[in-house]
């Protein structure tokens, strides 16, 4: 089972005096990168909410938003009456038409520093319990989203790793033919020298030369890595990093086969395997 790091979850709470919307969005990232946008009155609870999100999502670039809309007679911003009156008095003293311009003076005064004050109230515990429930709901939604995305990616991985396995079978099938072609190429090169050679010595050198092109170990290791990738893919946990390490080993064996092949048909198969592997690597960046 694998999970994508891409997801979106949303929860809406309708409280007696407020409408609270909770949104959680995540994209791929090597580690957990959590950005929170919440009103200042909830800052004291930010750490607790961050811990809840981190425990659930584990990894990814996460945007968490808490949006509050007041739906009843409740306003924490108050006019600082004494300061506004003082501003008006000072503004009026420099105006010849203070009485006629009183409305304009008020407009100017409320724009002055400290004309408005925000009364910071403690977060109501009952309200915060509702917010925690909403956050849990949003996280469940994003987890379901991640699982659905993961299932789609898993199907793609299964197809592509099978393609690599099938191409490996073709490599194994044409390997004896490749060795024979290399042998004939060497015989032809020696015969063109028009020199007498010791056949026994030549066979010894030929064996030594062909050993450099032997890919038996690479074929076995590549088959094992492909099998290990499939086993890890089917495990209960999402192992994006582990799958990434396995693909590195798969790539190493494919590259070695390509460098040793010295045979065009096999090199073509290697190119196809590399293409499939690159597509797997691209998608693995988004796996938890």
C-alpha atoms as a PDB file:
ATOM      1  CA  UNK A   1       0.000   0.000   0.000  1.00  0.00           C
ATOM      2  CA  UNK A   2       1.369   3.382  -0.945  1.00  0.00           C
ATOM      3  CA  UNK A   3       0.195   6.931  -0.334  1.00  0.00           C
ATOM      4  CA  UNK A   4       0.660  10.006  -2.431  1.00  0.00           C
ATOM      5  CA  UNK A   5       1.895  13.178  -0.730  1.00  0.00           C
ATOM      6  CA  UNK A   6      -0.613  15.195  -2.780  1.00  0.00           C
ATOM      7  CA  UNK A   7      -3.963  15.760  -1.109  1.00  0.00           C
ATOM      8  CA  UNK A   8      -6.655  18.174   0.023  1.00  0.00           C
ATOM      9  CA  UNK A   9      -9.036  18.079   2.983  1.00  0.00           C
ATOM     10  CA  UNK A  10     -11.674  20.531   4.144  1.00  0.00           C
ATOM     11  CA  UNK A  11     -14.058  20.834   7.092  1.00  0.00           C
ATOM     12  CA  UNK A  12     -16.697  23.486   7.864  1.00  0.00           C
ATOM     13  CA  UNK A  13     -17.934  24.105  11.406  1.00  0.00           C
ATOM     14  CA  UNK A  14     -21.119  26.069  12.070  1.00  0.00           C
ATOM     15  CA  UNK A  15     -20.949  27.348  15.646  1.00  0.00           C
ATOM     16  CA  UNK A  16     -23.566  29.570  17.366  1.00  0.00           C
ATOM     17  CA  UNK A  17     -21.717  32.808  16.550  1.00  0.00           C
ATOM     18  CA  UNK A  18     -19.093  31.736  14.010  1.00  0.00           C
ATOM     19  CA  UNK A  19     -18.508  29.792  10.845  1.00  0.00           C
ATOM     20  CA  UNK A  20     -15.069  28.166  10.912  1.00  0.00           C
ATOM     21  CA  UNK A  21     -13.499  26.658   7.800  1.00  0.00           C
ATOM     22  CA  UNK A  22     -10.490  24.352   8.101  1.00  0.00           C
ATOM     23  CA  UNK A  23      -8.427  23.524   5.011  1.00  0.00           C
ATOM     24  CA  UNK A  24      -5.373  21.275   4.692  1.00  0.00           C
ATOM     25  CA  UNK A  25      -3.449  20.930   1.437  1.00  0.00           C
ATOM     26  CA  UNK A  26      -0.249  18.950   0.826  1.00  0.00           C
ATOM     27  CA  UNK A  27       2.298  18.559  -1.970  1.00  0.00           C
ATOM     28  CA  UNK A  28       5.468  16.487  -2.237  1.00  0.00           C
ATOM     29  CA  UNK A  29       8.525  17.353  -0.159  1.00  0.00           C
ATOM     30  CA  UNK A  30      11.491  15.444   1.282  1.00  0.00           C
ATOM     31  CA  UNK A  31      10.458  16.359   4.829  1.00  0.00           C
ATOM     32  CA  UNK A  32       7.480  17.895   6.606  1.00  0.00           C
ATOM     33  CA  UNK A  33       7.205  21.586   5.693  1.00  0.00           C
ATOM     34  CA  UNK A  34       4.130  22.964   7.475  1.00  0.00           C
ATOM     35  CA  UNK A  35       2.826  26.470   6.832  1.00  0.00           C
ATOM     36  CA  UNK A  36      -0.078  27.600   9.062  1.00  0.00           C
ATOM     37  CA  UNK A  37      -2.409  30.535   8.480  1.00  0.00           C
ATOM     38  CA  UNK A  38      -4.635  31.069  11.503  1.00  0.00           C
ATOM     39  CA  UNK A  39      -6.206  34.101  13.245  1.00  0.00           C
ATOM     40  CA  UNK A  40      -4.154  35.633  16.038  1.00  0.00           C
ATOM     41  CA  UNK A  41      -6.645  34.635  18.779  1.00  0.00           C
ATOM     42  CA  UNK A  42      -5.904  30.954  18.085  1.00  0.00           C
ATOM     43  CA  UNK A  43      -2.109  31.265  18.192  1.00  0.00           C
ATOM     44  CA  UNK A  44      -1.916  29.737  21.660  1.00  0.00           C
ATOM     45  CA  UNK A  45      -3.329  26.520  20.208  1.00  0.00           C
ATOM     46  CA  UNK A  46      -1.158  26.504  17.088  1.00  0.00           C
ATOM     47  CA  UNK A  47       1.498  24.139  18.458  1.00  0.00           C
ATOM     48  CA  UNK A  48      -1.102  21.546  19.440  1.00  0.00           C
ATOM     49  CA  UNK A  49      -2.699  21.687  15.987  1.00  0.00           C
ATOM     50  CA  UNK A  50       0.710  21.449  14.300  1.00  0.00           C
ATOM     51  CA  UNK A  51       1.519  18.298  16.277  1.00  0.00           C
ATOM     52  CA  UNK A  52      -1.784  16.720  15.221  1.00  0.00           C
ATOM     53  CA  UNK A  53      -1.105  17.494  11.553  1.00  0.00           C
ATOM     54  CA  UNK A  54       2.516  16.281  11.704  1.00  0.00           C
ATOM     55  CA  UNK A  55       1.522  12.997  13.350  1.00  0.00           C
ATOM     56  CA  UNK A  56      -1.058  12.267  10.645  1.00  0.00           C
ATOM     57  CA  UNK A  57       0.605  13.512   7.455  1.00  0.00           C
ATOM     58  CA  UNK A  58       4.252  12.699   8.356  1.00  0.00           C
ATOM     59  CA  UNK A  59       5.820  14.243   5.240  1.00  0.00           C
ATOM     60  CA  UNK A  60       5.078  16.794   2.529  1.00  0.00           C
ATOM     61  CA  UNK A  61       4.741  20.525   1.949  1.00  0.00           C
ATOM     62  CA  UNK A  62       1.574  21.228   3.942  1.00  0.00           C
ATOM     63  CA  UNK A  63      -0.571  24.374   3.975  1.00  0.00           C
ATOM     64  CA  UNK A  64      -2.971  24.591   6.919  1.00  0.00           C
ATOM     65  CA  UNK A  65      -5.622  27.315   6.999  1.00  0.00           C
ATOM     66  CA  UNK A  66      -8.127  28.216   9.738  1.00  0.00           C
ATOM     67  CA  UNK A  67     -10.660  30.819   8.586  1.00  0.00           C
ATOM     68  CA  UNK A  68     -13.228  32.401  10.896  1.00  0.00           C
ATOM     69  CA  UNK A  69     -16.385  34.245   9.813  1.00  0.00           C
ATOM     70  CA  UNK A  70     -18.418  35.940  12.548  1.00  0.00           C
ATOM     71  CA  UNK A  71     -22.126  35.253  11.992  1.00  0.00           C
ATOM     72  CA  UNK A  72     -23.620  36.896  15.115  1.00  0.00           C
ATOM     73  CA  UNK A  73     -23.262  40.042  17.201  1.00  0.00           C
ATOM     74  CA  UNK A  74     -19.693  39.484  18.206  1.00  0.00           C
ATOM     75  CA  UNK A  75     -16.820  41.784  17.411  1.00  0.00           C
ATOM     76  CA  UNK A  76     -13.486  41.812  19.155  1.00  0.00           C
ATOM     77  CA  UNK A  77     -12.406  45.096  17.532  1.00  0.00           C
ATOM     78  CA  UNK A  78     -13.519  48.169  19.506  1.00  0.00           C
ATOM     79  CA  UNK A  79     -13.148  51.915  18.925  1.00  0.00           C
ATOM     80  CA  UNK A  80     -10.693  53.473  21.345  1.00  0.00           C
ATOM     81  CA  UNK A  81     -13.078  56.343  22.192  1.00  0.00           C
ATOM     82  CA  UNK A  82     -10.774  58.528  24.282  1.00  0.00           C
ATOM     83  CA  UNK A  83      -7.990  58.457  21.687  1.00  0.00           C
ATOM     84  CA  UNK A  84     -10.369  59.179  18.791  1.00  0.00           C
ATOM     85  CA  UNK A  85     -11.828  62.207  20.660  1.00  0.00           C
ATOM     86  CA  UNK A  86      -8.341  63.518  21.359  1.00  0.00           C
ATOM     87  CA  UNK A  87      -7.393  63.156  17.706  1.00  0.00           C
ATOM     88  CA  UNK A  88     -10.569  65.042  16.686  1.00  0.00           C
ATOM     89  CA  UNK A  89      -9.812  67.844  19.169  1.00  0.00           C
ATOM     90  CA  UNK A  90      -6.292  68.246  17.805  1.00  0.00           C
ATOM     91  CA  UNK A  91      -7.480  68.128  14.213  1.00  0.00           C
ATOM     92  CA  UNK A  92     -10.253  70.616  14.993  1.00  0.00           C
ATOM     93  CA  UNK A  93      -7.836  73.072  16.576  1.00  0.00           C
ATOM     94  CA  UNK A  94      -6.033  73.493  13.249  1.00  0.00           C
ATOM     95  CA  UNK A  95      -9.238  73.811  11.218  1.00  0.00           C
ATOM     96  CA  UNK A  96     -11.335  76.956  10.824  1.00  0.00           C
ATOM     97  CA  UNK A  97     -14.398  74.914  10.015  1.00  0.00           C
ATOM     98  CA  UNK A  98     -14.336  72.273  12.706  1.00  0.00           C
ATOM     99  CA  UNK A  99     -18.083  72.022  13.192  1.00  0.00           C
ATOM    100  CA  UNK A 100     -18.861  71.708   9.515  1.00  0.00           C
ATOM    101  CA  UNK A 101     -16.105  69.151   9.041  1.00  0.00           C
ATOM    102  CA  UNK A 102     -16.782  66.959  12.092  1.00  0.00           C
ATOM    103  CA  UNK A 103     -17.640  63.924   9.970  1.00  0.00           C
ATOM    104  CA  UNK A 104     -14.425  64.332   8.018  1.00  0.00           C
ATOM    105  CA  UNK A 105     -12.492  64.667  11.259  1.00  0.00           C
ATOM    106  CA  UNK A 106     -13.926  61.378  12.494  1.00  0.00           C
ATOM    107  CA  UNK A 107     -12.890  59.692   9.244  1.00  0.00           C
ATOM    108  CA  UNK A 108      -9.375  61.025   9.665  1.00  0.00           C
ATOM    109  CA  UNK A 109      -9.188  60.215  13.385  1.00  0.00           C
ATOM    110  CA  UNK A 110     -10.101  56.544  13.088  1.00  0.00           C
ATOM    111  CA  UNK A 111      -7.223  56.102  10.670  1.00  0.00           C
ATOM    112  CA  UNK A 112      -4.729  57.306  13.245  1.00  0.00           C
ATOM    113  CA  UNK A 113      -2.544  54.873  15.272  1.00  0.00           C
ATOM    114  CA  UNK A 114      -4.307  53.088  18.167  1.00  0.00           C
ATOM    115  CA  UNK A 115      -7.729  54.502  17.189  1.00  0.00           C
ATOM    116  CA  UNK A 116      -9.007  50.935  17.061  1.00  0.00           C
ATOM    117  CA  UNK A 117      -8.154  48.298  19.626  1.00  0.00           C
ATOM    118  CA  UNK A 118      -8.616  44.558  19.483  1.00  0.00           C
ATOM    119  CA  UNK A 119      -9.668  42.852  22.661  1.00  0.00           C
ATOM    120  CA  UNK A 120      -7.853  39.552  22.848  1.00  0.00           C
ATOM    121  CA  UNK A 121     -10.065  36.899  24.379  1.00  0.00           C
ATOM    122  CA  UNK A 122      -8.972  33.432  25.448  1.00  0.00           C
ATOM    123  CA  UNK A 123     -10.040  30.592  23.210  1.00  0.00           C
ATOM    124  CA  UNK A 124     -13.158  28.926  24.507  1.00  0.00           C
ATOM    125  CA  UNK A 125     -12.343  25.262  25.249  1.00  0.00           C
ATOM    126  CA  UNK A 126     -15.686  24.047  23.922  1.00  0.00           C
ATOM    127  CA  UNK A 127     -15.040  25.918  20.704  1.00  0.00           C
ATOM    128  CA  UNK A 128     -11.516  24.514  20.450  1.00  0.00           C
ATOM    129  CA  UNK A 129     -12.807  20.966  20.948  1.00  0.00           C
ATOM    130  CA  UNK A 130     -15.070  21.571  17.958  1.00  0.00           C
ATOM    131  CA  UNK A 131     -12.076  22.893  15.985  1.00  0.00           C
ATOM    132  CA  UNK A 132     -10.040  19.789  16.864  1.00  0.00           C
ATOM    133  CA  UNK A 133     -12.902  17.638  15.637  1.00  0.00           C
ATOM    134  CA  UNK A 134     -13.024  19.644  12.410  1.00  0.00           C
ATOM    135  CA  UNK A 135      -9.264  19.308  11.983  1.00  0.00           C
ATOM    136  CA  UNK A 136      -9.534  15.532  12.424  1.00  0.00           C
ATOM    137  CA  UNK A 137     -12.270  15.460   9.788  1.00  0.00           C
ATOM    138  CA  UNK A 138     -10.123  17.485   7.343  1.00  0.00           C
ATOM    139  CA  UNK A 139      -7.137  15.204   7.963  1.00  0.00           C
ATOM    140  CA  UNK A 140      -9.255  12.112   7.325  1.00  0.00           C
ATOM    141  CA  UNK A 141     -10.368  13.667   4.034  1.00  0.00           C
ATOM    142  CA  UNK A 142      -6.793  14.395   2.953  1.00  0.00           C
ATOM    143  CA  UNK A 143      -5.682  10.887   3.971  1.00  0.00           C
ATOM    144  CA  UNK A 144      -8.432   9.365   1.797  1.00  0.00           C
ATOM    145  CA  UNK A 145      -7.338  11.627  -1.043  1.00  0.00           C
ATOM    146  CA  UNK A 146      -3.732  10.478  -0.604  1.00  0.00           C
ATOM    147  CA  UNK A 147      -4.764   6.822  -0.596  1.00  0.00           C
ATOM    148  CA  UNK A 148      -6.776   7.216  -3.796  1.00  0.00           C
ATOM    149  CA  UNK A 149      -3.844   8.956  -5.485  1.00  0.00           C
ATOM    150  CA  UNK A 150      -1.550   6.216  -4.177  1.00  0.00           C
ATOM    151  CA  UNK A 151      -3.697   3.466  -5.713  1.00  0.00           C
ATOM    152  CA  UNK A 152      -3.476   5.109  -9.131  1.00  0.00           C
ATOM    153  CA  UNK A 153       0.308   5.446  -8.816  1.00  0.00           C
ATOM    154  CA  UNK A 154       0.624   1.858  -7.595  1.00  0.00           C
ATOM    155  CA  UNK A 155      -1.042   0.555 -10.759  1.00  0.00           C
ATOM    156  CA  UNK A 156       1.419   2.550 -12.838  1.00  0.00           C
ATOM    157  CA  UNK A 157       4.389   1.219 -10.831  1.00  0.00           C
ATOM    158  CA  UNK A 158       3.222  -2.384 -11.219  1.00  0.00           C
ATOM    159  CA  UNK A 159       2.916  -1.940 -14.990  1.00  0.00           C
ATOM    160  CA  UNK A 160       6.319  -0.317 -15.383  1.00  0.00           C
ATOM    161  CA  UNK A 161       8.250  -2.680 -13.102  1.00  0.00           C
ATOM    162  CA  UNK A 162       6.693  -5.594 -15.011  1.00  0.00           C
ATOM    163  CA  UNK A 163       7.879  -4.001 -18.244  1.00  0.00           C
ATOM    164  CA  UNK A 164      11.417  -3.884 -16.837  1.00  0.00           C
ATOM    165  CA  UNK A 165      11.116  -7.538 -15.805  1.00  0.00           C
ATOM    166  CA  UNK A 166       9.889  -8.514 -19.278  1.00  0.00           C
ATOM    167  CA  UNK A 167      12.741  -6.595 -20.909  1.00  0.00           C
ATOM    168  CA  UNK A 168      15.199  -8.368 -18.603  1.00  0.00           C
ATOM    169  CA  UNK A 169      13.829 -11.700 -19.838  1.00  0.00           C
ATOM    170  CA  UNK A 170      14.565 -10.598 -23.395  1.00  0.00           C
ATOM    171  CA  UNK A 171      18.089  -9.605 -22.334  1.00  0.00           C
ATOM    172  CA  UNK A 172      18.606 -13.080 -20.832  1.00  0.00           C
ATOM    173  CA  UNK A 173      17.196 -14.656 -24.001  1.00  0.00           C
ATOM    174  CA  UNK A 174      19.573 -12.893 -26.421  1.00  0.00           C
ATOM    175  CA  UNK A 175      22.641 -13.031 -24.176  1.00  0.00           C
ATOM    176  CA  UNK A 176      24.042 -16.298 -25.683  1.00  0.00           C
ATOM    177  CA  UNK A 177      23.575 -14.818 -29.139  1.00  0.00           C
ATOM    178  CA  UNK A 178      25.420 -11.680 -28.034  1.00  0.00           C
ATOM    179  CA  UNK A 179      28.402 -13.680 -26.748  1.00  0.00           C
ATOM    180  CA  UNK A 180      28.590 -15.582 -30.032  1.00  0.00           C
ATOM    181  CA  UNK A 181      28.509 -12.350 -32.040  1.00  0.00           C
ATOM    182  CA  UNK A 182      31.315 -10.887 -29.921  1.00  0.00           C
ATOM    183  CA  UNK A 183      33.327 -14.104 -30.353  1.00  0.00           C
ATOM    184  CA  UNK A 184      32.901 -14.014 -34.138  1.00  0.00           C
ATOM    185  CA  UNK A 185      33.839 -10.349 -34.219  1.00  0.00           C
ATOM    186  CA  UNK A 186      37.114 -11.095 -32.436  1.00  0.00           C
ATOM    187  CA  UNK A 187      37.878 -14.052 -34.705  1.00  0.00           C
ATOM    188  CA  UNK A 188      37.312 -11.864 -37.736  1.00  0.00           C
ATOM    189  CA  UNK A 189      39.523  -9.116 -36.350  1.00  0.00           C
ATOM    190  CA  UNK A 190      42.361 -11.574 -35.740  1.00  0.00           C
ATOM    191  CA  UNK A 191      42.002 -13.207 -39.154  1.00  0.00           C
ATOM    192  CA  UNK A 192      42.275  -9.813 -40.834  1.00  0.00           C
ATOM    193  CA  UNK A 193      45.685  -9.374 -39.240  1.00  0.00           C
ATOM    194  CA  UNK A 194      46.960 -12.177 -41.527  1.00  0.00           C
ATOM    195  CA  UNK A 195      49.210 -13.426 -38.776  1.00  0.00           C
ATOM    196  CA  UNK A 196      49.587 -16.932 -37.421  1.00  0.00           C
ATOM    197  CA  UNK A 197      48.366 -17.158 -33.845  1.00  0.00           C
ATOM    198  CA  UNK A 198      48.530 -19.848 -31.230  1.00  0.00           C
ATOM    199  CA  UNK A 199      44.985 -21.193 -31.063  1.00  0.00           C
ATOM    200  CA  UNK A 200      45.285 -22.233 -27.435  1.00  0.00           C
ATOM    201  CA  UNK A 201      46.664 -18.846 -26.485  1.00  0.00           C
ATOM    202  CA  UNK A 202      43.966 -17.149 -28.517  1.00  0.00           C
ATOM    203  CA  UNK A 203      41.210 -19.125 -26.752  1.00  0.00           C
ATOM    204  CA  UNK A 204      42.637 -18.190 -23.362  1.00  0.00           C
ATOM    205  CA  UNK A 205      42.691 -14.502 -24.287  1.00  0.00           C
ATOM    206  CA  UNK A 206      39.198 -14.824 -25.754  1.00  0.00           C
ATOM    207  CA  UNK A 207      37.840 -16.296 -22.529  1.00  0.00           C
ATOM    208  CA  UNK A 208      39.492 -13.525 -20.537  1.00  0.00           C
ATOM    209  CA  UNK A 209      38.051 -10.894 -22.890  1.00  0.00           C
ATOM    210  CA  UNK A 210      34.542 -12.369 -22.832  1.00  0.00           C
ATOM    211  CA  UNK A 211      34.578 -12.475 -19.025  1.00  0.00           C
ATOM    212  CA  UNK A 212      34.726  -8.674 -19.091  1.00  0.00           C
ATOM    213  CA  UNK A 213      31.449  -8.692 -21.016  1.00  0.00           C
ATOM    214  CA  UNK A 214      29.764 -11.289 -18.822  1.00  0.00           C
ATOM    215  CA  UNK A 215      26.535  -9.932 -17.298  1.00  0.00           C
ATOM    216  CA  UNK A 216      25.433 -12.975 -15.317  1.00  0.00           C
ATOM    217  CA  UNK A 217      25.771 -11.244 -11.932  1.00  0.00           C
ATOM    218  CA  UNK A 218      24.020  -8.104 -13.186  1.00  0.00           C
ATOM    219  CA  UNK A 219      21.074 -10.135 -14.502  1.00  0.00           C
ATOM    220  CA  UNK A 220      20.670 -11.945 -11.180  1.00  0.00           C
ATOM    221  CA  UNK A 221      20.938  -8.769  -9.108  1.00  0.00           C
ATOM    222  CA  UNK A 222      18.539  -6.871 -11.357  1.00  0.00           C
ATOM    223  CA  UNK A 223      15.966  -9.662 -11.083  1.00  0.00           C
ATOM    224  CA  UNK A 224      16.328  -9.607  -7.275  1.00  0.00           C
ATOM    225  CA  UNK A 225      15.932  -5.813  -7.120  1.00  0.00           C
ATOM    226  CA  UNK A 226      12.815  -5.943  -9.310  1.00  0.00           C
ATOM    227  CA  UNK A 227      11.310  -8.594  -7.044  1.00  0.00           C
ATOM    228  CA  UNK A 228      12.219  -6.578  -3.929  1.00  0.00           C
ATOM    229  CA  UNK A 229      10.584  -3.483  -5.430  1.00  0.00           C
ATOM    230  CA  UNK A 230       7.345  -5.406  -5.964  1.00  0.00           C
ATOM    231  CA  UNK A 231       7.455  -6.866  -2.434  1.00  0.00           C
ATOM    232  CA  UNK A 232       7.992  -3.421  -0.898  1.00  0.00           C
ATOM    233  CA  UNK A 233       5.203  -1.994  -3.042  1.00  0.00           C
ATOM    234  CA  UNK A 234       2.801  -4.573  -1.602  1.00  0.00           C
ATOM    235  CA  UNK A 235       3.791  -4.007   2.043  1.00  0.00           C
ATOM    236  CA  UNK A 236       1.363  -2.463   4.538  1.00  0.00           C
ATOM    237  CA  UNK A 237       3.348   0.755   4.921  1.00  0.00           C
ATOM    238  CA  UNK A 238       4.001   3.465   2.363  1.00  0.00           C
ATOM    239  CA  UNK A 239       7.765   3.352   1.748  1.00  0.00           C
ATOM    240  CA  UNK A 240       8.517   6.084  -0.778  1.00  0.00           C
ATOM    241  CA  UNK A 241      12.113   6.585   0.352  1.00  0.00           C
ATOM    242  CA  UNK A 242      12.824   2.846   0.433  1.00  0.00           C
ATOM    243  CA  UNK A 243      11.393   2.406  -3.063  1.00  0.00           C
ATOM    244  CA  UNK A 244      13.637   5.275  -4.155  1.00  0.00           C
ATOM    245  CA  UNK A 245      16.731   3.454  -2.848  1.00  0.00           C
ATOM    246  CA  UNK A 246      15.688   0.263  -4.660  1.00  0.00           C
ATOM    247  CA  UNK A 247      15.265   2.134  -7.961  1.00  0.00           C
ATOM    248  CA  UNK A 248      18.810   3.477  -7.542  1.00  0.00           C
ATOM    249  CA  UNK A 249      20.079  -0.124  -7.351  1.00  0.00           C
ATOM    250  CA  UNK A 250      17.931  -1.122 -10.326  1.00  0.00           C
ATOM    251  CA  UNK A 251      19.392   1.775 -12.312  1.00  0.00           C
ATOM    252  CA  UNK A 252      22.936   0.775 -11.374  1.00  0.00           C
ATOM    253  CA  UNK A 253      22.469  -2.771 -12.721  1.00  0.00           C
ATOM    254  CA  UNK A 254      20.755  -1.562 -15.903  1.00  0.00           C
ATOM    255  CA  UNK A 255      23.626   0.865 -16.580  1.00  0.00           C
ATOM    256  CA  UNK A 256      26.220  -1.865 -16.041  1.00  0.00           C
ATOM    257  CA  UNK A 257      24.416  -4.206 -18.445  1.00  0.00           C
ATOM    258  CA  UNK A 258      24.342  -1.400 -20.998  1.00  0.00           C
ATOM    259  CA  UNK A 259      28.063  -0.652 -20.657  1.00  0.00           C
ATOM    260  CA  UNK A 260      28.998  -4.351 -20.935  1.00  0.00           C
ATOM    261  CA  UNK A 261      26.552  -5.386 -23.648  1.00  0.00           C
ATOM    262  CA  UNK A 262      28.596  -4.292 -26.726  1.00  0.00           C
ATOM    263  CA  UNK A 263      25.640  -5.504 -28.784  1.00  0.00           C
ATOM    264  CA  UNK A 264      23.087  -3.186 -30.413  1.00  0.00           C
ATOM    265  CA  UNK A 265      19.914  -5.282 -29.844  1.00  0.00           C
ATOM    266  CA  UNK A 266      20.709  -5.579 -26.132  1.00  0.00           C
ATOM    267  CA  UNK A 267      21.540  -1.896 -25.862  1.00  0.00           C
ATOM    268  CA  UNK A 268      18.115  -1.105 -27.313  1.00  0.00           C
ATOM    269  CA  UNK A 269      16.502  -3.178 -24.557  1.00  0.00           C
ATOM    270  CA  UNK A 270      18.611  -1.343 -21.978  1.00  0.00           C
ATOM    271  CA  UNK A 271      17.381   2.017 -23.301  1.00  0.00           C
ATOM    272  CA  UNK A 272      13.772   0.835 -22.923  1.00  0.00           C
ATOM    273  CA  UNK A 273      14.452  -0.298 -19.344  1.00  0.00           C
ATOM    274  CA  UNK A 274      15.995   3.092 -18.541  1.00  0.00           C
ATOM    275  CA  UNK A 275      12.935   4.836 -19.945  1.00  0.00           C
ATOM    276  CA  UNK A 276      10.579   2.792 -17.732  1.00  0.00           C
ATOM    277  CA  UNK A 277      12.778   3.368 -14.689  1.00  0.00           C
ATOM    278  CA  UNK A 278      12.893   7.153 -15.202  1.00  0.00           C
ATOM    279  CA  UNK A 279       9.089   7.263 -15.274  1.00  0.00           C
ATOM    280  CA  UNK A 280       9.015   5.322 -11.992  1.00  0.00           C
ATOM    281  CA  UNK A 281      11.523   7.724 -10.419  1.00  0.00           C
ATOM    282  CA  UNK A 282       9.468  10.763 -11.439  1.00  0.00           C
ATOM    283  CA  UNK A 283       6.356   9.389  -9.744  1.00  0.00           C
ATOM    284  CA  UNK A 284       8.245   8.196  -6.661  1.00  0.00           C
ATOM    285  CA  UNK A 285       8.968  11.824  -5.754  1.00  0.00           C
ATOM    286  CA  UNK A 286       5.296  12.102  -4.827  1.00  0.00           C
ATOM    287  CA  UNK A 287       5.129   8.966  -2.652  1.00  0.00           C
ATOM    288  CA  UNK A 288       5.018   9.233   1.137  1.00  0.00           C
END
